[in-house]
Amino acid sequence: MDKAWPGSQGGTYGGNVVACAAALATLDVIQEEGLVANSAAQGERLRQGLEKVGSAHPEIGDVRGRGLMQASEFVTADGSPDGATAARAQQVAAKNGLLLLTCGPHGNVVRMIPPLVVNGEQVDSALELWAASVEEATS
């Protein structure tokens, strides 16, 4: 530290004390509130619900994800990407109050990424909205 000049060890890029304190506080909250375990449990609940919706709709060719980051992939009858149906489902979901995004190179995947603090009731509510949205978008 003898060679450091005043102000050289602080700034927006390296060793920013406020940013480090915020990061440590965030890690404390994640640990204290059990958010990793909640993510695993609610992610599994979400996955099972999405798979149930997918099994009722051949337009959903795959459900995939990890933890609370889950997605439904829309395909045509021959298995090709179906971005139009994915976009319709996403728009209907938005109209129904469920905000989702499409993604993927063909725009045929609708992803759900709820916050780490989501609870089972909220997951179930989102799944009900999603099921109704997919039904409307594919009929």
N, C-alpha and C. Protein backbone atom coordinates (compact mmCIF):
# COMPACT_ATOMS: atom_id res chain seq x y z
N MET A 1 0.81 -1.20 0.00
CA MET A 1 0.00 0.00 0.00
C MET A 1 0.85 1.26 0.00
N ASP A 2 2.16 1.14 0.16
CA ASP A 2 3.01 2.32 0.14
C ASP A 2 3.00 3.02 -1.21
N LYS A 3 2.69 2.30 -2.27
CA LYS A 3 2.75 2.87 -3.60
C LYS A 3 1.40 3.41 -4.08
N ALA A 4 0.36 3.16 -3.34
CA ALA A 4 -0.96 3.64 -3.75
C ALA A 4 -1.09 5.12 -3.41
N TRP A 5 -1.64 5.89 -4.32
CA TRP A 5 -1.84 7.31 -4.09
C TRP A 5 -3.29 7.53 -3.61
N PRO A 6 -3.55 8.61 -2.95
CA PRO A 6 -4.90 8.87 -2.43
C PRO A 6 -5.94 8.79 -3.55
N GLY A 7 -7.00 8.04 -3.28
CA GLY A 7 -8.08 7.91 -4.25
C GLY A 7 -7.90 6.77 -5.24
N SER A 8 -6.72 6.12 -5.23
CA SER A 8 -6.48 5.07 -6.23
C SER A 8 -7.15 3.75 -5.87
N GLN A 9 -7.60 3.57 -4.64
CA GLN A 9 -8.19 2.30 -4.22
C GLN A 9 -9.71 2.38 -4.04
N GLY A 10 -10.29 3.40 -4.54
CA GLY A 10 -11.75 3.53 -4.44
C GLY A 10 -12.29 4.00 -5.77
N GLY A 11 -13.46 3.66 -6.06
CA GLY A 11 -14.09 4.07 -7.31
C GLY A 11 -15.18 3.09 -7.67
N THR A 12 -15.67 3.24 -8.85
CA THR A 12 -16.80 2.41 -9.27
C THR A 12 -16.38 1.02 -9.72
N TYR A 13 -15.10 0.78 -9.94
CA TYR A 13 -14.68 -0.51 -10.48
C TYR A 13 -14.01 -1.42 -9.46
N GLY A 14 -13.18 -0.92 -8.62
CA GLY A 14 -12.41 -1.81 -7.76
C GLY A 14 -12.54 -1.47 -6.29
N GLY A 15 -12.98 -2.43 -5.50
CA GLY A 15 -13.01 -2.27 -4.06
C GLY A 15 -13.96 -1.20 -3.57
N ASN A 16 -15.00 -0.91 -4.30
CA ASN A 16 -15.97 0.09 -3.89
C ASN A 16 -16.63 -0.38 -2.60
N VAL A 17 -16.40 0.35 -1.53
CA VAL A 17 -16.85 -0.05 -0.20
C VAL A 17 -18.37 -0.19 -0.12
N VAL A 18 -19.08 0.73 -0.70
CA VAL A 18 -20.55 0.69 -0.64
C VAL A 18 -21.07 -0.52 -1.41
N ALA A 19 -20.51 -0.77 -2.60
CA ALA A 19 -20.94 -1.92 -3.39
C ALA A 19 -20.63 -3.23 -2.67
N CYS A 20 -19.48 -3.31 -2.04
CA CYS A 20 -19.11 -4.52 -1.29
C CYS A 20 -20.03 -4.73 -0.09
N ALA A 21 -20.37 -3.66 0.61
CA ALA A 21 -21.27 -3.76 1.75
C ALA A 21 -22.67 -4.22 1.28
N ALA A 22 -23.12 -3.67 0.17
CA ALA A 22 -24.43 -4.07 -0.37
C ALA A 22 -24.42 -5.54 -0.78
N ALA A 23 -23.34 -5.99 -1.40
CA ALA A 23 -23.23 -7.40 -1.81
C ALA A 23 -23.24 -8.31 -0.59
N LEU A 24 -22.50 -7.96 0.44
CA LEU A 24 -22.48 -8.78 1.66
C LEU A 24 -23.85 -8.81 2.34
N ALA A 25 -24.53 -7.68 2.37
CA ALA A 25 -25.87 -7.64 2.96
C ALA A 25 -26.84 -8.50 2.16
N THR A 26 -26.72 -8.48 0.85
CA THR A 26 -27.57 -9.31 0.00
C THR A 26 -27.32 -10.79 0.26
N LEU A 27 -26.07 -11.17 0.37
CA LEU A 27 -25.74 -12.57 0.66
C LEU A 27 -26.29 -12.98 2.03
N ASP A 28 -26.25 -12.07 3.01
CA ASP A 28 -26.82 -12.37 4.32
C ASP A 28 -28.32 -12.64 4.22
N VAL A 29 -29.03 -11.80 3.47
CA VAL A 29 -30.48 -11.98 3.31
C VAL A 29 -30.78 -13.31 2.62
N ILE A 30 -30.03 -13.63 1.59
CA ILE A 30 -30.24 -14.89 0.88
C ILE A 30 -30.09 -16.07 1.84
N GLN A 31 -29.09 -16.00 2.68
CA GLN A 31 -28.85 -17.09 3.63
C GLN A 31 -29.90 -17.10 4.75
N GLU A 32 -30.14 -15.96 5.37
CA GLU A 32 -31.04 -15.88 6.52
C GLU A 32 -32.49 -16.24 6.17
N GLU A 33 -32.91 -15.88 4.97
CA GLU A 33 -34.29 -16.14 4.57
C GLU A 33 -34.45 -17.46 3.83
N GLY A 34 -33.37 -18.22 3.68
CA GLY A 34 -33.44 -19.52 3.04
C GLY A 34 -33.88 -19.45 1.59
N LEU A 35 -33.42 -18.44 0.88
CA LEU A 35 -33.89 -18.22 -0.48
C LEU A 35 -33.40 -19.26 -1.48
N VAL A 36 -32.26 -19.88 -1.23
CA VAL A 36 -31.79 -20.94 -2.14
C VAL A 36 -32.71 -22.15 -2.03
N ALA A 37 -33.03 -22.54 -0.78
CA ALA A 37 -33.95 -23.67 -0.57
C ALA A 37 -35.34 -23.34 -1.12
N ASN A 38 -35.79 -22.10 -0.93
CA ASN A 38 -37.09 -21.70 -1.47
C ASN A 38 -37.08 -21.77 -2.99
N SER A 39 -36.00 -21.36 -3.60
CA SER A 39 -35.89 -21.43 -5.05
C SER A 39 -36.00 -22.86 -5.55
N ALA A 40 -35.35 -23.77 -4.86
CA ALA A 40 -35.42 -25.18 -5.26
C ALA A 40 -36.84 -25.72 -5.11
N ALA A 41 -37.46 -25.45 -3.96
CA ALA A 41 -38.80 -25.98 -3.70
C ALA A 41 -39.84 -25.37 -4.64
N GLN A 42 -39.84 -24.05 -4.75
CA GLN A 42 -40.84 -23.39 -5.60
C GLN A 42 -40.54 -23.63 -7.09
N GLY A 43 -39.27 -23.78 -7.42
CA GLY A 43 -38.91 -24.11 -8.80
C GLY A 43 -39.45 -25.47 -9.20
N GLU A 44 -39.38 -26.43 -8.29
CA GLU A 44 -39.94 -27.76 -8.57
C GLU A 44 -41.45 -27.69 -8.70
N ARG A 45 -42.08 -26.90 -7.86
CA ARG A 45 -43.54 -26.71 -7.95
C ARG A 45 -43.91 -26.09 -9.30
N LEU A 46 -43.16 -25.07 -9.69
CA LEU A 46 -43.38 -24.41 -10.97
C LEU A 46 -43.18 -25.38 -12.13
N ARG A 47 -42.10 -26.13 -12.07
CA ARG A 47 -41.78 -27.09 -13.14
C ARG A 47 -42.91 -28.12 -13.29
N GLN A 48 -43.38 -28.68 -12.19
CA GLN A 48 -44.45 -29.67 -12.25
C GLN A 48 -45.72 -29.07 -12.85
N GLY A 49 -46.03 -27.85 -12.48
CA GLY A 49 -47.21 -27.19 -13.04
C GLY A 49 -47.07 -26.91 -14.52
N LEU A 50 -45.90 -26.47 -14.94
CA LEU A 50 -45.66 -26.22 -16.37
C LEU A 50 -45.72 -27.51 -17.16
N GLU A 51 -45.20 -28.59 -16.59
CA GLU A 51 -45.26 -29.88 -17.28
C GLU A 51 -46.70 -30.36 -17.42
N LYS A 52 -47.52 -30.08 -16.41
CA LYS A 52 -48.94 -30.44 -16.49
C LYS A 52 -49.62 -29.68 -17.62
N VAL A 53 -49.35 -28.39 -17.71
CA VAL A 53 -49.91 -27.59 -18.81
C VAL A 53 -49.38 -28.12 -20.14
N GLY A 54 -48.10 -28.41 -20.20
CA GLY A 54 -47.50 -28.91 -21.43
C GLY A 54 -48.07 -30.24 -21.87
N SER A 55 -48.38 -31.11 -20.91
CA SER A 55 -48.93 -32.43 -21.28
C SER A 55 -50.33 -32.32 -21.87
N ALA A 56 -51.03 -31.23 -21.57
CA ALA A 56 -52.37 -31.01 -22.11
C ALA A 56 -52.35 -30.27 -23.45
N HIS A 57 -51.18 -29.79 -23.85
CA HIS A 57 -51.08 -28.98 -25.07
C HIS A 57 -49.89 -29.44 -25.91
N PRO A 58 -50.15 -30.13 -27.02
CA PRO A 58 -49.05 -30.60 -27.86
C PRO A 58 -48.22 -29.46 -28.46
N GLU A 59 -48.74 -28.24 -28.40
CA GLU A 59 -47.99 -27.08 -28.90
C GLU A 59 -46.77 -26.80 -28.04
N ILE A 60 -46.78 -27.30 -26.81
CA ILE A 60 -45.62 -27.15 -25.92
C ILE A 60 -44.79 -28.42 -26.06
N GLY A 61 -43.67 -28.28 -26.74
CA GLY A 61 -42.83 -29.44 -27.02
C GLY A 61 -41.87 -29.78 -25.91
N ASP A 62 -41.56 -28.81 -25.05
CA ASP A 62 -40.60 -29.06 -23.98
C ASP A 62 -40.80 -28.05 -22.87
N VAL A 63 -40.60 -28.51 -21.65
CA VAL A 63 -40.53 -27.65 -20.47
C VAL A 63 -39.17 -27.89 -19.87
N ARG A 64 -38.44 -26.82 -19.62
CA ARG A 64 -37.08 -26.99 -19.10
C ARG A 64 -36.70 -25.80 -18.22
N GLY A 65 -35.64 -26.02 -17.47
CA GLY A 65 -35.14 -24.95 -16.63
C GLY A 65 -34.44 -25.50 -15.40
N ARG A 66 -34.10 -24.59 -14.53
CA ARG A 66 -33.42 -24.94 -13.28
C ARG A 66 -33.91 -23.98 -12.20
N GLY A 67 -34.29 -24.54 -11.07
CA GLY A 67 -34.78 -23.69 -9.99
C GLY A 67 -35.97 -22.88 -10.44
N LEU A 68 -35.94 -21.60 -10.17
CA LEU A 68 -37.04 -20.72 -10.54
C LEU A 68 -36.93 -20.17 -11.96
N MET A 69 -35.97 -20.61 -12.72
CA MET A 69 -35.87 -20.18 -14.12
C MET A 69 -36.38 -21.33 -14.98
N GLN A 70 -37.64 -21.24 -15.41
CA GLN A 70 -38.30 -22.31 -16.16
C GLN A 70 -38.85 -21.74 -17.46
N ALA A 71 -39.04 -22.62 -18.43
CA ALA A 71 -39.53 -22.17 -19.73
C ALA A 71 -40.34 -23.25 -20.43
N SER A 72 -41.25 -22.79 -21.28
CA SER A 72 -42.05 -23.67 -22.13
C SER A 72 -41.69 -23.36 -23.58
N GLU A 73 -41.34 -24.41 -24.32
CA GLU A 73 -40.96 -24.24 -25.73
C GLU A 73 -42.14 -24.63 -26.61
N PHE A 74 -42.51 -23.74 -27.50
CA PHE A 74 -43.63 -23.98 -28.41
C PHE A 74 -43.12 -24.50 -29.75
N VAL A 75 -43.80 -25.55 -30.25
CA VAL A 75 -43.42 -26.18 -31.51
C VAL A 75 -44.67 -26.45 -32.34
N THR A 76 -44.45 -26.63 -33.65
CA THR A 76 -45.53 -27.01 -34.54
C THR A 76 -45.71 -28.53 -34.47
N ALA A 77 -46.68 -29.04 -35.22
CA ALA A 77 -46.96 -30.49 -35.21
C ALA A 77 -45.75 -31.30 -35.66
N ASP A 78 -44.91 -30.72 -36.53
CA ASP A 78 -43.73 -31.47 -37.00
C ASP A 78 -42.49 -31.22 -36.14
N GLY A 79 -42.66 -30.48 -35.03
CA GLY A 79 -41.55 -30.25 -34.11
C GLY A 79 -40.73 -29.01 -34.39
N SER A 80 -41.10 -28.25 -35.40
CA SER A 80 -40.39 -27.01 -35.73
C SER A 80 -40.72 -25.92 -34.71
N PRO A 81 -39.82 -24.98 -34.50
CA PRO A 81 -40.10 -23.87 -33.58
C PRO A 81 -41.34 -23.09 -34.00
N ASP A 82 -42.16 -22.71 -33.03
CA ASP A 82 -43.39 -21.98 -33.30
C ASP A 82 -43.42 -20.68 -32.51
N GLY A 83 -42.72 -19.69 -33.05
CA GLY A 83 -42.64 -18.39 -32.40
C GLY A 83 -43.97 -17.65 -32.35
N ALA A 84 -44.82 -17.88 -33.35
CA ALA A 84 -46.10 -17.17 -33.39
C ALA A 84 -46.99 -17.58 -32.21
N THR A 85 -47.07 -18.88 -31.95
CA THR A 85 -47.90 -19.34 -30.84
C THR A 85 -47.30 -18.92 -29.50
N ALA A 86 -45.98 -18.98 -29.39
CA ALA A 86 -45.32 -18.52 -28.17
C ALA A 86 -45.64 -17.05 -27.91
N ALA A 87 -45.56 -16.24 -28.95
CA ALA A 87 -45.86 -14.81 -28.80
C ALA A 87 -47.32 -14.59 -28.42
N ARG A 88 -48.23 -15.36 -29.03
CA ARG A 88 -49.64 -15.26 -28.67
C ARG A 88 -49.86 -15.61 -27.21
N ALA A 89 -49.27 -16.72 -26.78
CA ALA A 89 -49.43 -17.15 -25.38
C ALA A 89 -48.87 -16.09 -24.42
N GLN A 90 -47.72 -15.52 -24.77
CA GLN A 90 -47.12 -14.49 -23.92
C GLN A 90 -48.01 -13.25 -23.86
N GLN A 91 -48.60 -12.86 -24.98
CA GLN A 91 -49.46 -11.68 -25.01
C GLN A 91 -50.76 -11.92 -24.24
N VAL A 92 -51.34 -13.10 -24.39
CA VAL A 92 -52.56 -13.42 -23.64
C VAL A 92 -52.24 -13.44 -22.15
N ALA A 93 -51.10 -14.01 -21.79
CA ALA A 93 -50.70 -14.03 -20.38
C ALA A 93 -50.57 -12.61 -19.85
N ALA A 94 -49.98 -11.72 -20.62
CA ALA A 94 -49.85 -10.33 -20.19
C ALA A 94 -51.22 -9.69 -19.99
N LYS A 95 -52.12 -9.96 -20.93
CA LYS A 95 -53.49 -9.45 -20.80
C LYS A 95 -54.15 -9.98 -19.53
N ASN A 96 -53.81 -11.20 -19.14
CA ASN A 96 -54.37 -11.83 -17.94
C ASN A 96 -53.62 -11.44 -16.66
N GLY A 97 -52.57 -10.62 -16.78
CA GLY A 97 -51.85 -10.14 -15.61
C GLY A 97 -50.59 -10.90 -15.27
N LEU A 98 -50.14 -11.77 -16.17
CA LEU A 98 -48.92 -12.54 -15.94
C LEU A 98 -47.85 -12.06 -16.91
N LEU A 99 -46.83 -11.38 -16.40
CA LEU A 99 -45.81 -10.79 -17.26
C LEU A 99 -44.68 -11.79 -17.49
N LEU A 100 -44.51 -12.18 -18.73
CA LEU A 100 -43.50 -13.16 -19.14
C LEU A 100 -42.77 -12.62 -20.36
N LEU A 101 -41.66 -13.27 -20.70
CA LEU A 101 -40.89 -12.89 -21.88
C LEU A 101 -40.71 -14.08 -22.80
N THR A 102 -40.67 -13.80 -24.10
CA THR A 102 -40.28 -14.83 -25.05
C THR A 102 -38.77 -14.75 -25.23
N CYS A 103 -38.18 -15.87 -25.61
CA CYS A 103 -36.74 -15.91 -25.81
C CYS A 103 -36.40 -17.06 -26.75
N GLY A 104 -35.13 -17.29 -26.92
CA GLY A 104 -34.66 -18.35 -27.80
C GLY A 104 -34.38 -17.80 -29.18
N PRO A 105 -33.56 -18.51 -29.94
CA PRO A 105 -33.18 -18.03 -31.28
C PRO A 105 -34.36 -17.91 -32.24
N HIS A 106 -35.43 -18.64 -31.97
CA HIS A 106 -36.61 -18.58 -32.85
C HIS A 106 -37.77 -17.87 -32.18
N GLY A 107 -37.55 -17.33 -30.99
CA GLY A 107 -38.60 -16.63 -30.26
C GLY A 107 -39.75 -17.54 -29.86
N ASN A 108 -39.49 -18.83 -29.75
CA ASN A 108 -40.56 -19.79 -29.49
C ASN A 108 -40.58 -20.33 -28.06
N VAL A 109 -39.84 -19.68 -27.18
CA VAL A 109 -39.77 -20.11 -25.78
C VAL A 109 -40.33 -18.99 -24.91
N VAL A 110 -41.21 -19.37 -23.99
CA VAL A 110 -41.75 -18.40 -23.03
C VAL A 110 -41.15 -18.76 -21.67
N ARG A 111 -40.49 -17.80 -21.07
CA ARG A 111 -39.80 -18.09 -19.81
C ARG A 111 -40.51 -17.45 -18.63
N MET A 112 -40.38 -18.14 -17.51
CA MET A 112 -40.89 -17.65 -16.23
C MET A 112 -39.70 -17.58 -15.28
N ILE A 113 -39.49 -16.42 -14.71
CA ILE A 113 -38.41 -16.25 -13.75
C ILE A 113 -38.93 -15.42 -12.58
N PRO A 114 -39.69 -16.06 -11.68
CA PRO A 114 -40.19 -15.31 -10.53
C PRO A 114 -39.07 -14.98 -9.55
N PRO A 115 -39.32 -14.05 -8.64
CA PRO A 115 -38.29 -13.69 -7.65
C PRO A 115 -38.02 -14.81 -6.66
N LEU A 116 -36.87 -14.77 -6.03
CA LEU A 116 -36.49 -15.79 -5.06
C LEU A 116 -37.43 -15.88 -3.88
N VAL A 117 -38.18 -14.83 -3.60
CA VAL A 117 -39.08 -14.79 -2.45
C VAL A 117 -40.49 -15.29 -2.77
N VAL A 118 -40.72 -15.78 -3.98
CA VAL A 118 -42.05 -16.25 -4.37
C VAL A 118 -42.50 -17.38 -3.45
N ASN A 119 -43.81 -17.43 -3.19
CA ASN A 119 -44.33 -18.51 -2.35
C ASN A 119 -45.22 -19.44 -3.17
N GLY A 120 -45.63 -20.54 -2.57
CA GLY A 120 -46.41 -21.55 -3.27
C GLY A 120 -47.73 -21.02 -3.81
N GLU A 121 -48.40 -20.20 -3.04
CA GLU A 121 -49.68 -19.62 -3.49
C GLU A 121 -49.47 -18.78 -4.75
N GLN A 122 -48.41 -18.02 -4.78
CA GLN A 122 -48.13 -17.18 -5.95
C GLN A 122 -47.78 -18.04 -7.17
N VAL A 123 -47.01 -19.10 -6.95
CA VAL A 123 -46.67 -20.02 -8.06
C VAL A 123 -47.95 -20.64 -8.61
N ASP A 124 -48.82 -21.11 -7.72
CA ASP A 124 -50.07 -21.73 -8.16
C ASP A 124 -50.94 -20.74 -8.93
N SER A 125 -51.00 -19.52 -8.46
CA SER A 125 -51.78 -18.49 -9.13
C SER A 125 -51.22 -18.23 -10.54
N ALA A 126 -49.90 -18.12 -10.65
CA ALA A 126 -49.27 -17.91 -11.95
C ALA A 126 -49.55 -19.09 -12.88
N LEU A 127 -49.51 -20.29 -12.35
CA LEU A 127 -49.78 -21.47 -13.18
C LEU A 127 -51.22 -21.50 -13.68
N GLU A 128 -52.16 -21.07 -12.85
CA GLU A 128 -53.55 -20.99 -13.29
C GLU A 128 -53.69 -20.00 -14.44
N LEU A 129 -53.04 -18.84 -14.30
CA LEU A 129 -53.08 -17.84 -15.37
C LEU A 129 -52.41 -18.37 -16.64
N TRP A 130 -51.30 -19.08 -16.48
CA TRP A 130 -50.58 -19.63 -17.63
C TRP A 130 -51.44 -20.67 -18.34
N ALA A 131 -52.05 -21.57 -17.59
CA ALA A 131 -52.89 -22.60 -18.20
C ALA A 131 -54.03 -21.97 -19.01
N ALA A 132 -54.68 -20.97 -18.45
CA ALA A 132 -55.76 -20.28 -19.15
C ALA A 132 -55.25 -19.55 -20.38
N SER A 133 -54.08 -18.97 -20.27
CA SER A 133 -53.48 -18.22 -21.38
C SER A 133 -53.11 -19.14 -22.53
N VAL A 134 -52.51 -20.28 -22.21
CA VAL A 134 -52.13 -21.24 -23.25
C VAL A 134 -53.39 -21.78 -23.93
N GLU A 135 -54.40 -22.07 -23.13
CA GLU A 135 -55.67 -22.57 -23.69
C GLU A 135 -56.24 -21.56 -24.68
N GLU A 136 -56.26 -20.30 -24.28
CA GLU A 136 -56.81 -19.27 -25.17
C GLU A 136 -55.94 -19.07 -26.41
N ALA A 137 -54.63 -19.10 -26.24
CA ALA A 137 -53.72 -18.85 -27.36
C ALA A 137 -53.69 -19.99 -28.37
N THR A 138 -54.05 -21.18 -27.95
CA THR A 138 -53.95 -22.33 -28.85
C THR A 138 -55.30 -22.81 -29.37
N SER A 139 -56.38 -22.14 -28.95
CA SER A 139 -57.71 -22.58 -29.43
C SER A 139 -58.17 -21.79 -30.63
